[in-house]
Amino acid sequence: MSHSDRIQARFQCHFDKFALDVDLNLPGSGITAIFGHSGCGKTTLLRCIAGLQPTKGQLSVLGEPWQTAHNSWPVHRRPLAYVFQDTSLFPHLSVRKNLLYGYRRVPAEQRKISPEQVYDWLGLSPLLKRMPAGLSGGERQRVAIGRALLTSPRLLLMDEPLSALDQQSKLDILPYLERMRDTLEIPVLYVSHSTAEVARLADHIVMMEHGRVVAQGPLQETLARTDHPFRLEEDAGVILNGEVAEVDDRWQLCRVAFDGGELWLRHHEHLHAGMSVRVQVLARDVSIALQEQRNQSIQNLLPATVDHIAREVMPGTSLVRLLVGDTPFLARLTSRSVHQLQLSPGLPVWLQIKSVALAD
């Protein structure tokens, strides 16, 4: 992929109590999650990209040099849109007028997204005549995202847009964000500390800690690494892209085929054969056997090969990376189990997967 199809950023700056040192080479499409614990520098990075945080560095977006060692475009010249936690809708304007506020200020020849497209992507048509005060939190955030998109930005920045919403509002808005991801050609940088949001939405991930990038790459590959500092999290695991191959109404299960095998998981009403889905398999839900064990309750048994072992990632615990075909899985085992099974790279084994869930 050429530089004209990438987002490249290099910032090295010091603040009163904080230092940011990042070197990014990101895809120019899809959603890139900027992920890490609170205070790691996610929002500071986004503000540097937006030009809201004065800093020295270099930034190129889809071939345009927004910032160099000798020149930096001011905020108003950077063709981006920024969605904050706070929607900041104009309370005296209807939803339609809020949405069209930025759109009408974009020259006609520069408009790349139509209001009708945004209404469709974000399900806004029933809300157009309503006032912001009468909207739920999730509805207000959808309007804020739509307003940002209608400025036809070359880059969309989203700073924890769901963090102020209750759990039901988050669940309501996520399908709209998925539709936007699948339809939109604008690259999105999405700041979050929620592994559930990242698992469901992101194509690419940047992991940050103490102002530095500790890992970056395609979501599936990066989450399956054993050498990044987030491997000890309770929800460490892998994300798989698959397709619903079968729905079993009798047992309320569905079979999802992925590159290398298939998995059974609990059926959800909206699933149907042929549908593309993402599933999550947590390392804590994977055990290993040297031989196939059919006389037990676990339904998901997969032949695999040990790829890598990270020993003693914490006292008494090891993390094992395995391959089912070319698809990676992670298993968190006691170091004693690793020793007793004599696990080593290249060894054929059987995965026993206790739980599989949709990434939602």
Protein backbone atom coordinates (compact mmCIF):
# COMPACT_ATOMS: atom_id res chain seq x y z
CA MET A 1 0.00 0.00 0.00
CA SER A 2 1.46 3.39 -1.03
CA HIS A 3 1.88 6.44 1.19
CA SER A 4 -1.19 7.95 -0.47
CA ASP A 5 -3.26 5.15 1.07
CA ARG A 6 -1.83 5.46 4.59
CA ILE A 7 -1.94 7.62 7.69
CA GLN A 8 1.58 8.22 8.99
CA ALA A 9 2.27 10.09 12.20
CA ARG A 10 5.43 10.73 14.21
CA PHE A 11 5.10 12.78 17.39
CA GLN A 12 7.69 13.18 20.11
CA CYS A 13 6.73 15.78 22.65
CA HIS A 14 6.84 16.52 26.37
CA PHE A 15 4.19 18.16 28.50
CA ASP A 16 4.29 19.13 32.18
CA LYS A 17 3.52 15.65 33.49
CA PHE A 18 3.36 13.62 30.32
CA ALA A 19 5.48 12.57 27.34
CA LEU A 20 4.14 11.33 24.01
CA ASP A 21 6.42 9.32 21.73
CA VAL A 22 4.63 7.58 18.87
CA ASP A 23 5.45 6.40 15.37
CA LEU A 24 2.37 5.23 13.46
CA ASN A 25 1.81 3.72 10.03
CA LEU A 26 -1.91 3.09 9.71
CA PRO A 27 -4.23 1.94 6.94
CA GLY A 28 -6.17 4.63 5.13
CA SER A 29 -9.49 2.79 5.45
CA GLY A 30 -11.57 1.03 8.06
CA ILE A 31 -11.56 1.65 11.82
CA THR A 32 -8.28 1.83 13.72
CA ALA A 33 -8.76 1.53 17.47
CA ILE A 34 -6.43 3.57 19.69
CA PHE A 35 -6.55 1.37 22.78
CA GLY A 36 -5.13 1.52 26.28
CA HIS A 37 -5.78 2.27 29.91
CA SER A 38 -6.90 5.71 31.08
CA GLY A 39 -4.05 8.21 31.03
CA CYS A 40 -1.93 6.35 28.46
CA GLY A 41 -2.07 9.19 25.91
CA LYS A 42 -4.92 8.17 23.59
CA THR A 43 -6.75 11.49 23.64
CA THR A 44 -3.49 13.47 23.52
CA LEU A 45 -2.55 11.59 20.35
CA LEU A 46 -5.92 12.38 18.77
CA ARG A 47 -5.55 16.06 19.69
CA CYS A 48 -2.09 16.15 18.07
CA ILE A 49 -3.51 14.67 14.88
CA ALA A 50 -6.33 17.21 14.91
CA GLY A 51 -3.90 20.09 15.45
CA LEU A 52 -5.58 20.97 18.76
CA GLN A 53 -2.41 20.16 20.71
CA PRO A 54 0.57 22.15 19.44
CA THR A 55 3.51 19.83 19.04
CA LYS A 56 6.49 19.08 16.88
CA GLY A 57 6.21 16.11 14.59
CA GLN A 58 5.17 14.84 11.20
CA LEU A 59 1.74 13.85 9.94
CA SER A 60 0.66 12.66 6.50
CA VAL A 61 -2.94 11.70 5.78
CA LEU A 62 -3.69 9.90 2.51
CA GLY A 63 -0.70 11.54 0.84
CA GLU A 64 -1.33 15.05 2.19
CA PRO A 65 1.41 16.49 4.46
CA TRP A 66 -0.67 18.00 7.27
CA GLN A 67 2.42 18.56 9.39
CA THR A 68 6.13 18.57 8.62
CA ALA A 69 9.26 19.76 10.38
CA HIS A 70 8.80 23.16 8.72
CA ASN A 71 5.05 23.59 8.34
CA SER A 72 1.89 22.63 10.20
CA TRP A 73 -1.63 23.11 8.91
CA PRO A 74 -3.85 24.93 11.42
CA VAL A 75 -6.92 23.13 12.73
CA HIS A 76 -9.33 24.80 10.32
CA ARG A 77 -7.30 23.63 7.29
CA ARG A 78 -7.20 19.98 8.30
CA PRO A 79 -10.08 18.20 6.53
CA LEU A 80 -11.18 16.11 9.49
CA ALA A 81 -14.15 15.70 11.77
CA TYR A 82 -13.95 15.08 15.52
CA VAL A 83 -16.64 13.30 17.56
CA PHE A 84 -16.31 13.82 21.31
CA GLN A 85 -17.93 12.09 24.29
CA ASP A 86 -20.13 15.17 24.65
CA THR A 87 -22.33 15.48 21.56
CA SER A 88 -22.57 19.32 21.77
CA LEU A 89 -25.65 19.47 19.57
CA PHE A 90 -27.23 22.89 19.04
CA PRO A 91 -30.24 22.74 21.40
CA HIS A 92 -32.29 25.31 19.45
CA LEU A 93 -31.98 23.43 16.14
CA SER A 94 -33.89 20.36 15.01
CA VAL A 95 -32.04 17.14 14.24
CA ARG A 96 -32.23 17.92 10.52
CA LYS A 97 -30.78 21.41 11.01
CA ASN A 98 -28.06 20.07 13.29
CA LEU A 99 -27.09 17.54 10.64
CA LEU A 100 -27.06 20.08 7.84
CA TYR A 101 -25.17 22.75 9.79
CA GLY A 102 -21.73 21.65 8.61
CA TYR A 103 -22.94 20.24 5.30
CA ARG A 104 -24.12 23.64 4.08
CA ARG A 105 -20.69 25.12 4.82
CA VAL A 106 -18.90 22.64 2.56
CA PRO A 107 -18.59 23.82 -1.08
CA ALA A 108 -20.85 21.73 -3.30
CA GLU A 109 -17.94 20.37 -5.35
CA GLN A 110 -16.28 19.05 -2.16
CA ARG A 111 -19.29 17.19 -0.80
CA LYS A 112 -18.68 13.45 -0.92
CA ILE A 113 -21.44 12.24 1.38
CA SER A 114 -25.12 13.08 0.99
CA PRO A 115 -27.59 13.64 3.82
CA GLU A 116 -29.68 10.70 2.56
CA GLN A 117 -26.69 8.36 2.88
CA VAL A 118 -26.07 9.45 6.47
CA TYR A 119 -29.75 9.14 7.36
CA ASP A 120 -29.67 5.57 6.06
CA TRP A 121 -26.36 4.50 7.67
CA LEU A 122 -27.30 5.84 11.10
CA GLY A 123 -31.08 5.30 11.07
CA LEU A 124 -31.81 9.00 11.46
CA SER A 125 -34.86 9.49 9.22
CA PRO A 126 -37.42 9.05 12.06
CA LEU A 127 -35.57 11.66 14.16
CA LEU A 128 -35.21 14.52 11.69
CA LYS A 129 -38.03 16.72 13.03
CA ARG A 130 -37.22 16.18 16.70
CA MET A 131 -35.26 18.49 18.99
CA PRO A 132 -32.07 17.36 20.81
CA ALA A 133 -33.74 17.63 24.24
CA GLY A 134 -36.14 14.84 23.28
CA LEU A 135 -33.46 12.37 22.18
CA SER A 136 -31.89 9.55 24.13
CA GLY A 137 -28.13 9.54 24.69
CA GLY A 138 -27.59 7.03 21.90
CA GLU A 139 -29.76 9.01 19.48
CA ARG A 140 -27.87 12.23 20.26
CA GLN A 141 -24.56 10.49 19.60
CA ARG A 142 -25.82 9.14 16.26
CA VAL A 143 -26.79 12.68 15.28
CA ALA A 144 -23.36 13.97 16.33
CA ILE A 145 -21.66 11.31 14.19
CA GLY A 146 -23.93 12.12 11.26
CA ARG A 147 -23.18 15.84 11.56
CA ALA A 148 -19.46 15.06 11.50
CA LEU A 149 -19.76 12.84 8.43
CA LEU A 150 -21.70 15.48 6.50
CA THR A 151 -18.66 17.76 6.53
CA SER A 152 -17.12 15.18 4.10
CA PRO A 153 -13.90 14.79 6.11
CA ARG A 154 -10.84 12.91 4.86
CA LEU A 155 -10.36 11.56 8.40
CA LEU A 156 -12.84 10.94 11.22
CA LEU A 157 -11.61 11.08 14.82
CA MET A 158 -13.81 9.56 17.56
CA ASP A 159 -12.80 10.01 21.20
CA GLU A 160 -14.59 7.37 23.31
CA PRO A 161 -17.95 8.26 21.73
CA LEU A 162 -19.87 5.63 23.74
CA SER A 163 -18.30 6.14 27.17
CA ALA A 164 -21.05 8.46 28.44
CA LEU A 165 -23.85 6.07 27.40
CA ASP A 166 -25.57 3.43 29.50
CA GLN A 167 -25.15 -0.21 28.50
CA GLN A 168 -28.43 -0.44 26.57
CA SER A 169 -27.65 2.73 24.59
CA LYS A 170 -24.25 1.30 23.70
CA LEU A 171 -25.86 -1.90 22.45
CA ASP A 172 -28.37 0.14 20.44
CA ILE A 173 -25.75 2.27 18.67
CA LEU A 174 -23.13 -0.39 17.89
CA PRO A 175 -25.00 -1.89 14.90
CA TYR A 176 -25.11 1.57 13.31
CA LEU A 177 -21.36 1.98 13.82
CA GLU A 178 -20.81 -1.44 12.22
CA ARG A 179 -22.89 -0.39 9.21
CA MET A 180 -20.92 2.85 8.97
CA ARG A 181 -17.64 0.90 9.10
CA ASP A 182 -18.76 -1.46 6.36
CA THR A 183 -20.02 1.33 4.09
CA LEU A 184 -17.81 4.33 4.74
CA GLU A 185 -14.63 4.94 2.75
CA ILE A 186 -13.30 7.48 5.28
CA PRO A 187 -10.65 6.17 7.69
CA VAL A 188 -11.66 6.34 11.35
CA LEU A 189 -9.39 6.63 14.41
CA TYR A 190 -11.45 5.39 17.34
CA VAL A 191 -10.19 5.95 20.89
CA SER A 192 -11.42 3.41 23.43
CA HIS A 193 -10.47 1.50 26.55
CA SER A 194 -13.30 -1.00 26.01
CA THR A 195 -12.14 -4.34 24.65
CA ALA A 196 -15.75 -5.16 23.70
CA GLU A 197 -16.01 -2.09 21.42
CA VAL A 198 -12.61 -2.78 19.90
CA ALA A 199 -13.44 -6.44 19.27
CA ARG A 200 -16.68 -5.56 17.55
CA LEU A 201 -15.68 -2.51 15.50
CA ALA A 202 -11.95 -2.31 14.76
CA ASP A 203 -10.02 -3.60 11.76
CA HIS A 204 -6.65 -2.36 13.03
CA ILE A 205 -5.40 -1.59 16.53
CA VAL A 206 -2.81 0.63 18.20
CA MET A 207 -2.03 -0.31 21.81
CA MET A 208 -0.64 2.47 23.99
CA GLU A 209 0.98 2.56 27.41
CA HIS A 210 2.57 5.55 29.17
CA GLY A 211 2.52 7.69 26.02
CA ARG A 212 4.15 5.05 23.81
CA VAL A 213 2.89 2.62 21.21
CA VAL A 214 3.57 -0.90 22.46
CA ALA A 215 1.88 -2.76 19.59
CA GLN A 216 0.11 -1.95 16.34
CA GLY A 217 -1.23 -3.97 13.44
CA PRO A 218 -4.31 -5.78 12.09
CA LEU A 219 -6.71 -6.56 14.93
CA GLN A 220 -6.69 -10.36 14.66
CA GLU A 221 -2.91 -10.67 14.36
CA THR A 222 -2.14 -8.18 17.11
CA LEU A 223 -4.55 -9.59 19.68
CA ALA A 224 -3.10 -13.07 19.08
CA ARG A 225 0.43 -11.98 20.00
CA THR A 226 1.96 -13.27 23.23
CA ASP A 227 4.47 -10.44 23.68
CA HIS A 228 2.37 -7.33 24.28
CA PRO A 229 1.64 -6.01 27.78
CA PHE A 230 -2.13 -6.54 27.57
CA ARG A 231 -1.84 -10.33 27.46
CA LEU A 232 -2.64 -10.62 31.18
CA GLU A 233 -6.03 -8.95 30.91
CA GLU A 234 -9.01 -11.11 31.84
CA ASP A 235 -10.42 -10.70 28.34
CA ALA A 236 -7.22 -11.53 26.43
CA GLY A 237 -8.06 -13.73 23.47
CA VAL A 238 -8.61 -13.71 19.72
CA ILE A 239 -11.18 -12.36 17.28
CA LEU A 240 -12.20 -14.50 14.31
CA ASN A 241 -14.03 -13.45 11.17
CA GLY A 242 -16.42 -16.18 10.10
CA GLU A 243 -19.68 -17.01 8.36
CA VAL A 244 -22.78 -18.65 9.77
CA ALA A 245 -22.86 -22.05 8.06
CA GLU A 246 -25.82 -23.58 9.89
CA VAL A 247 -28.55 -22.67 12.35
CA ASP A 248 -29.71 -25.51 14.61
CA ASP A 249 -33.18 -24.53 15.87
CA ARG A 250 -33.55 -27.68 17.97
CA TRP A 251 -30.60 -26.90 20.23
CA GLN A 252 -30.59 -23.11 19.71
CA LEU A 253 -27.05 -23.19 18.33
CA CYS A 254 -25.34 -21.97 15.19
CA ARG A 255 -22.23 -23.23 13.45
CA VAL A 256 -19.71 -20.60 12.34
CA ALA A 257 -17.08 -21.53 9.75
CA PHE A 258 -13.75 -19.72 9.81
CA ASP A 259 -10.46 -20.14 7.96
CA GLY A 260 -9.24 -23.46 9.33
CA GLY A 261 -12.30 -24.88 11.07
CA GLU A 262 -15.70 -24.23 12.59
CA LEU A 263 -17.20 -23.43 15.99
CA TRP A 264 -20.60 -23.85 17.61
CA LEU A 265 -22.06 -20.99 19.63
CA ARG A 266 -25.38 -19.98 21.09
CA HIS A 267 -27.87 -18.87 18.46
CA HIS A 268 -29.02 -15.25 18.36
CA GLU A 269 -32.27 -14.25 16.70
CA HIS A 270 -30.67 -11.95 14.15
CA LEU A 271 -28.25 -14.61 12.84
CA HIS A 272 -28.94 -16.46 9.60
CA ALA A 273 -27.05 -18.79 7.29
CA GLY A 274 -24.53 -16.98 5.09
CA MET A 275 -24.18 -14.02 7.46
CA SER A 276 -20.68 -12.71 8.21
CA VAL A 277 -19.92 -12.49 11.94
CA ARG A 278 -17.07 -11.84 14.34
CA VAL A 279 -16.59 -14.22 17.23
CA GLN A 280 -14.39 -13.92 20.29
CA VAL A 281 -12.54 -16.78 21.96
CA LEU A 282 -10.93 -15.87 25.28
CA ALA A 283 -7.65 -17.46 26.32
CA ARG A 284 -9.13 -18.45 29.68
CA ASP A 285 -11.79 -20.54 27.89
CA VAL A 286 -9.29 -22.67 25.94
CA SER A 287 -7.71 -25.86 27.30
CA ILE A 288 -5.36 -28.30 25.55
CA ALA A 289 -5.34 -32.08 25.25
CA LEU A 290 -2.79 -34.31 23.54
CA GLN A 291 -5.52 -36.54 22.14
CA GLU A 292 -9.09 -35.98 21.01
CA GLN A 293 -11.48 -36.26 23.97
CA ARG A 294 -15.02 -36.91 22.75
CA ASN A 295 -16.58 -38.22 25.98
CA GLN A 296 -17.00 -34.85 27.67
CA SER A 297 -19.32 -31.85 27.60
CA ILE A 298 -17.20 -29.43 25.58
CA GLN A 299 -18.57 -29.29 22.02
CA ASN A 300 -15.83 -27.30 20.30
CA LEU A 301 -12.82 -29.54 19.71
CA LEU A 302 -10.26 -28.46 17.12
CA PRO A 303 -6.98 -30.02 15.97
CA ALA A 304 -4.18 -27.46 16.33
CA THR A 305 -0.43 -27.02 16.43
CA VAL A 306 1.51 -25.27 19.18
CA ASP A 307 3.11 -22.18 17.69
CA HIS A 308 4.69 -20.32 20.61
CA ILE A 309 4.81 -20.46 24.40
CA ALA A 310 5.26 -17.38 26.58
CA ARG A 311 6.36 -18.91 29.86
CA GLU A 312 5.67 -17.41 33.26
CA VAL A 313 3.81 -14.37 31.98
CA MET A 314 2.83 -14.16 35.63
CA PRO A 315 3.88 -16.49 38.44
CA GLY A 316 2.63 -19.99 37.64
CA THR A 317 0.89 -18.99 34.38
CA SER A 318 1.94 -19.37 30.75
CA LEU A 319 0.31 -18.20 27.52
CA VAL A 320 0.28 -20.57 24.55
CA ARG A 321 -0.33 -19.49 20.97
CA LEU A 322 -1.72 -22.20 18.70
CA LEU A 323 -2.65 -22.43 15.04
CA VAL A 324 -5.77 -24.04 13.62
CA GLY A 325 -4.79 -23.99 9.97
CA ASP A 326 -3.48 -20.43 9.70
CA THR A 327 -5.85 -19.06 12.35
CA PRO A 328 -4.25 -18.24 15.73
CA PHE A 329 -5.75 -19.03 19.13
CA LEU A 330 -4.49 -18.28 22.64
CA ALA A 331 -4.71 -20.55 25.70
CA ARG A 332 -3.89 -19.49 29.25
CA LEU A 333 -2.57 -22.47 31.18
CA THR A 334 -0.77 -23.10 34.42
CA SER A 335 2.93 -23.47 33.85
CA ARG A 336 2.65 -26.86 35.53
CA SER A 337 0.22 -28.01 32.81
CA VAL A 338 2.62 -26.81 30.11
CA HIS A 339 5.37 -28.84 31.74
CA GLN A 340 3.26 -31.97 32.30
CA LEU A 341 1.96 -32.00 28.72
CA GLN A 342 5.52 -31.30 27.47
CA LEU A 343 4.19 -28.63 25.14
CA SER A 344 6.63 -27.26 22.59
CA PRO A 345 6.39 -25.46 19.23
CA GLY A 346 5.29 -27.78 16.44
CA LEU A 347 3.49 -30.25 18.71
CA PRO A 348 0.04 -31.36 17.40
CA VAL A 349 -2.67 -31.01 20.05
CA TRP A 350 -6.43 -30.66 20.44
CA LEU A 351 -8.05 -27.42 21.54
CA GLN A 352 -11.02 -27.71 23.88
CA ILE A 353 -12.96 -24.44 23.74
CA LYS A 354 -15.40 -24.02 26.59
CA SER A 355 -17.07 -20.83 25.40
CA VAL A 356 -17.42 -18.87 22.15
CA ALA A 357 -19.26 -15.56 21.89
CA LEU A 358 -20.23 -13.08 19.25
CA ALA A 359 -18.00 -10.03 19.44
CA ASP A 360 -20.65 -7.71 20.84
